[in-house]
Each structure stands twice: as C-alpha cells, then as structure tokens.
C-alpha cells in the first residue's frame, strides 16, 4: 500500500475514532469510552510514524542543530 493511501486510511480511522468517542461520552457509555481509549492508544502508536513523518524529521533536524550548538558552546568553555 502506498504511503498516500496509508495516510488517507489513518485519517479516516482517526475521524471515526473521534466521532465514536464523542458518541460514547454523550451517551454515558463507560465501557465504550474505555474500549475507545485503548484503541486510540494502540492506533496512535501505529499511525504516528506515518502521519507525523515530516514533523518528526523537522524535530530531529532541530535537535541535531541544538546539539551541535551545545557542543560548540562546551568547547569554548
């Protein structure tokens, strides 16, 4: 499956999860809320690397720059 199709699929699953969570909360369905919380945790671990790929790359690049800056600052002392 292509990366674009995976992103679309994960976005649809995320949207359904949000709607089901609102529905479970509005109907005071405690068991449904607990099940959806566990589903959301599992889903976020699987989907995060795909949905947040560009964001994670930017954060890693910023972290590397900051580490280089700290190394230079330590060398000057």
N, C-alpha and C. Protein backbone atom coordinates (compact mmCIF):
# COMPACT_ATOMS: atom_id res chain seq x y z
N UNK A 1 0.84 -1.18 0.00
CA UNK A 1 0.00 0.00 0.00
C UNK A 1 0.89 1.24 0.00
N UNK A 2 0.54 2.20 -0.81
CA UNK A 2 1.36 3.40 -0.91
C UNK A 2 1.22 4.25 0.35
N UNK A 3 2.18 5.12 0.52
CA UNK A 3 2.19 5.97 1.70
C UNK A 3 0.99 6.92 1.73
N UNK A 4 0.60 7.41 0.57
CA UNK A 4 -0.55 8.30 0.50
C UNK A 4 -1.83 7.58 0.92
N UNK A 5 -2.00 6.36 0.46
CA UNK A 5 -3.18 5.58 0.82
C UNK A 5 -3.18 5.27 2.32
N UNK A 6 -2.01 5.00 2.87
CA UNK A 6 -1.93 4.75 4.31
C UNK A 6 -2.34 5.99 5.10
N UNK A 7 -1.88 7.15 4.65
CA UNK A 7 -2.23 8.39 5.34
C UNK A 7 -3.74 8.62 5.28
N UNK A 8 -4.33 8.40 4.12
CA UNK A 8 -5.78 8.59 3.98
C UNK A 8 -6.52 7.61 4.89
N UNK A 9 -6.09 6.36 4.91
CA UNK A 9 -6.73 5.36 5.74
C UNK A 9 -6.63 5.73 7.22
N UNK A 10 -5.45 6.15 7.66
CA UNK A 10 -5.27 6.52 9.06
C UNK A 10 -6.07 7.76 9.44
N UNK A 11 -6.19 8.71 8.51
CA UNK A 11 -7.01 9.89 8.78
C UNK A 11 -8.48 9.51 8.93
N UNK A 12 -8.95 8.62 8.09
CA UNK A 12 -10.34 8.18 8.18
C UNK A 12 -10.58 7.44 9.50
N UNK A 13 -9.65 6.55 9.86
CA UNK A 13 -9.78 5.82 11.13
C UNK A 13 -9.76 6.80 12.30
N UNK A 14 -8.91 7.80 12.24
CA UNK A 14 -8.84 8.81 13.29
C UNK A 14 -10.16 9.58 13.40
N UNK A 15 -10.73 9.95 12.28
CA UNK A 15 -12.00 10.67 12.27
C UNK A 15 -13.12 9.81 12.87
N UNK A 16 -13.17 8.55 12.49
CA UNK A 16 -14.18 7.64 13.04
C UNK A 16 -13.98 7.48 14.54
N UNK A 17 -12.73 7.36 14.97
CA UNK A 17 -12.44 7.22 16.39
C UNK A 17 -12.91 8.44 17.17
N UNK A 18 -12.69 9.62 16.64
CA UNK A 18 -13.13 10.84 17.33
C UNK A 18 -14.66 10.88 17.43
N UNK A 19 -15.35 10.56 16.34
CA UNK A 19 -16.81 10.56 16.37
C UNK A 19 -17.34 9.52 17.35
N UNK A 20 -16.76 8.33 17.36
CA UNK A 20 -17.21 7.30 18.29
C UNK A 20 -16.93 7.69 19.74
N UNK A 21 -15.82 8.38 19.98
CA UNK A 21 -15.52 8.84 21.33
C UNK A 21 -16.56 9.86 21.79
N UNK A 22 -16.88 10.83 20.92
CA UNK A 22 -17.91 11.81 21.28
C UNK A 22 -19.26 11.14 21.52
N UNK A 23 -19.56 10.15 20.71
CA UNK A 23 -20.82 9.43 20.87
C UNK A 23 -20.84 8.67 22.20
N UNK A 24 -19.75 8.01 22.54
CA UNK A 24 -19.67 7.25 23.79
C UNK A 24 -19.77 8.18 24.99
N UNK A 25 -19.16 9.34 24.90
CA UNK A 25 -19.22 10.30 26.00
C UNK A 25 -20.63 10.86 26.14
N UNK A 26 -21.26 11.21 25.02
CA UNK A 26 -22.59 11.82 25.09
C UNK A 26 -23.66 10.83 25.55
N UNK A 27 -23.46 9.54 25.34
CA UNK A 27 -24.43 8.54 25.78
C UNK A 27 -24.06 7.92 27.13
N UNK A 28 -23.04 8.46 27.78
CA UNK A 28 -22.57 7.97 29.08
C UNK A 28 -22.25 6.48 29.04
N UNK A 29 -21.62 6.04 27.96
CA UNK A 29 -21.23 4.65 27.79
C UNK A 29 -19.79 4.49 28.28
N UNK A 30 -19.64 4.07 29.53
CA UNK A 30 -18.32 3.98 30.15
C UNK A 30 -17.49 2.89 29.50
N UNK A 31 -18.08 1.75 29.23
CA UNK A 31 -17.34 0.65 28.60
C UNK A 31 -16.86 1.06 27.21
N UNK A 32 -17.71 1.75 26.47
CA UNK A 32 -17.32 2.24 25.15
C UNK A 32 -16.16 3.22 25.22
N UNK A 33 -16.19 4.08 26.22
CA UNK A 33 -15.10 5.04 26.40
C UNK A 33 -13.78 4.34 26.68
N UNK A 34 -13.83 3.34 27.56
CA UNK A 34 -12.61 2.61 27.91
C UNK A 34 -12.06 1.87 26.70
N UNK A 35 -12.94 1.22 25.94
CA UNK A 35 -12.52 0.50 24.74
C UNK A 35 -11.91 1.47 23.73
N UNK A 36 -12.54 2.62 23.54
CA UNK A 36 -12.02 3.59 22.58
C UNK A 36 -10.70 4.21 23.04
N UNK A 37 -10.50 4.34 24.34
CA UNK A 37 -9.23 4.85 24.84
C UNK A 37 -8.11 3.87 24.50
N UNK A 38 -8.35 2.59 24.75
CA UNK A 38 -7.33 1.59 24.42
C UNK A 38 -7.09 1.53 22.91
N UNK A 39 -8.15 1.62 22.12
CA UNK A 39 -8.00 1.63 20.67
C UNK A 39 -7.19 2.85 20.23
N UNK A 40 -7.46 3.99 20.83
CA UNK A 40 -6.74 5.22 20.46
C UNK A 40 -5.26 5.12 20.78
N UNK A 41 -4.92 4.52 21.91
CA UNK A 41 -3.52 4.37 22.28
C UNK A 41 -2.80 3.46 21.29
N UNK A 42 -3.41 2.34 20.97
CA UNK A 42 -2.81 1.42 20.00
C UNK A 42 -2.70 2.07 18.63
N UNK A 43 -3.77 2.75 18.22
CA UNK A 43 -3.78 3.41 16.92
C UNK A 43 -2.71 4.48 16.84
N UNK A 44 -2.55 5.26 17.89
CA UNK A 44 -1.56 6.34 17.85
C UNK A 44 -0.13 5.81 17.72
N UNK A 45 0.14 4.67 18.35
CA UNK A 45 1.48 4.08 18.23
C UNK A 45 1.75 3.58 16.81
N UNK A 46 0.73 3.05 16.15
CA UNK A 46 0.91 2.53 14.79
C UNK A 46 0.92 3.64 13.75
N UNK A 47 0.08 4.65 13.93
CA UNK A 47 -0.11 5.67 12.91
C UNK A 47 0.85 6.85 13.03
N UNK A 48 1.40 7.07 14.20
CA UNK A 48 2.26 8.23 14.42
C UNK A 48 3.43 8.32 13.45
N UNK A 49 4.19 7.25 13.23
CA UNK A 49 5.33 7.37 12.32
C UNK A 49 4.91 7.74 10.89
N UNK A 50 3.72 7.37 10.49
CA UNK A 50 3.27 7.64 9.12
C UNK A 50 2.66 9.04 9.03
N UNK A 51 1.77 9.37 9.96
CA UNK A 51 1.08 10.66 9.90
C UNK A 51 1.99 11.82 10.26
N UNK A 52 2.95 11.60 11.13
CA UNK A 52 3.81 12.68 11.60
C UNK A 52 5.23 12.57 11.06
N UNK A 53 5.39 11.97 9.92
CA UNK A 53 6.72 11.72 9.34
C UNK A 53 7.49 13.03 9.12
N UNK A 54 6.88 13.99 8.47
CA UNK A 54 7.56 15.26 8.19
C UNK A 54 7.85 16.03 9.46
N UNK A 55 6.91 16.02 10.38
CA UNK A 55 7.10 16.70 11.66
C UNK A 55 8.28 16.10 12.43
N UNK A 56 8.34 14.78 12.47
CA UNK A 56 9.45 14.11 13.17
C UNK A 56 10.79 14.43 12.54
N UNK A 57 10.83 14.53 11.21
CA UNK A 57 12.09 14.90 10.53
C UNK A 57 12.53 16.30 10.94
N UNK A 58 11.58 17.26 10.98
CA UNK A 58 11.93 18.62 11.36
C UNK A 58 12.43 18.68 12.80
N UNK A 59 11.78 17.95 13.69
CA UNK A 59 12.19 17.95 15.09
C UNK A 59 13.59 17.35 15.24
N UNK A 60 13.88 16.27 14.53
CA UNK A 60 15.21 15.66 14.60
C UNK A 60 16.27 16.62 14.07
N UNK A 61 15.96 17.34 12.98
CA UNK A 61 16.91 18.29 12.43
C UNK A 61 17.18 19.42 13.43
N UNK A 62 16.13 19.93 14.06
CA UNK A 62 16.31 20.99 15.05
C UNK A 62 17.11 20.48 16.25
N UNK A 63 16.86 19.24 16.65
CA UNK A 63 17.58 18.67 17.78
C UNK A 63 19.07 18.52 17.45
N UNK A 64 19.37 18.09 16.23
CA UNK A 64 20.78 17.98 15.83
C UNK A 64 21.47 19.34 15.83
N UNK A 65 20.78 20.37 15.32
CA UNK A 65 21.36 21.72 15.33
C UNK A 65 21.61 22.20 16.75
N UNK A 66 20.65 21.94 17.62
CA UNK A 66 20.80 22.36 19.00
C UNK A 66 21.95 21.61 19.68
N UNK A 67 22.08 20.32 19.40
CA UNK A 67 23.19 19.55 19.96
C UNK A 67 24.53 20.06 19.47
N UNK A 68 24.62 20.42 18.19
CA UNK A 68 25.86 20.99 17.66
C UNK A 68 26.18 22.32 18.34
N UNK A 69 25.14 23.12 18.54
CA UNK A 69 25.31 24.41 19.23
C UNK A 69 25.84 24.19 20.64
N UNK A 70 25.26 23.23 21.35
CA UNK A 70 25.72 22.95 22.72
C UNK A 70 27.15 22.43 22.73
N UNK A 71 27.51 21.59 21.76
CA UNK A 71 28.88 21.10 21.68
C UNK A 71 29.87 22.23 21.47
N UNK A 72 29.52 23.16 20.58
CA UNK A 72 30.42 24.31 20.34
C UNK A 72 30.53 25.17 21.59
N UNK A 73 29.42 25.34 22.28
CA UNK A 73 29.43 26.15 23.48
C UNK A 73 30.28 25.51 24.57
N UNK A 74 30.20 24.18 24.67
CA UNK A 74 31.02 23.46 25.66
C UNK A 74 32.50 23.54 25.32
N UNK A 75 32.84 23.52 24.04
CA UNK A 75 34.23 23.58 23.63
C UNK A 75 34.84 24.94 23.95
N UNK A 76 34.04 25.99 23.91
CA UNK A 76 34.53 27.33 24.18
C UNK A 76 34.86 27.55 25.64
N UNK A 77 34.26 26.78 26.52
CA UNK A 77 34.50 26.95 27.96
C UNK A 77 35.77 26.38 28.38
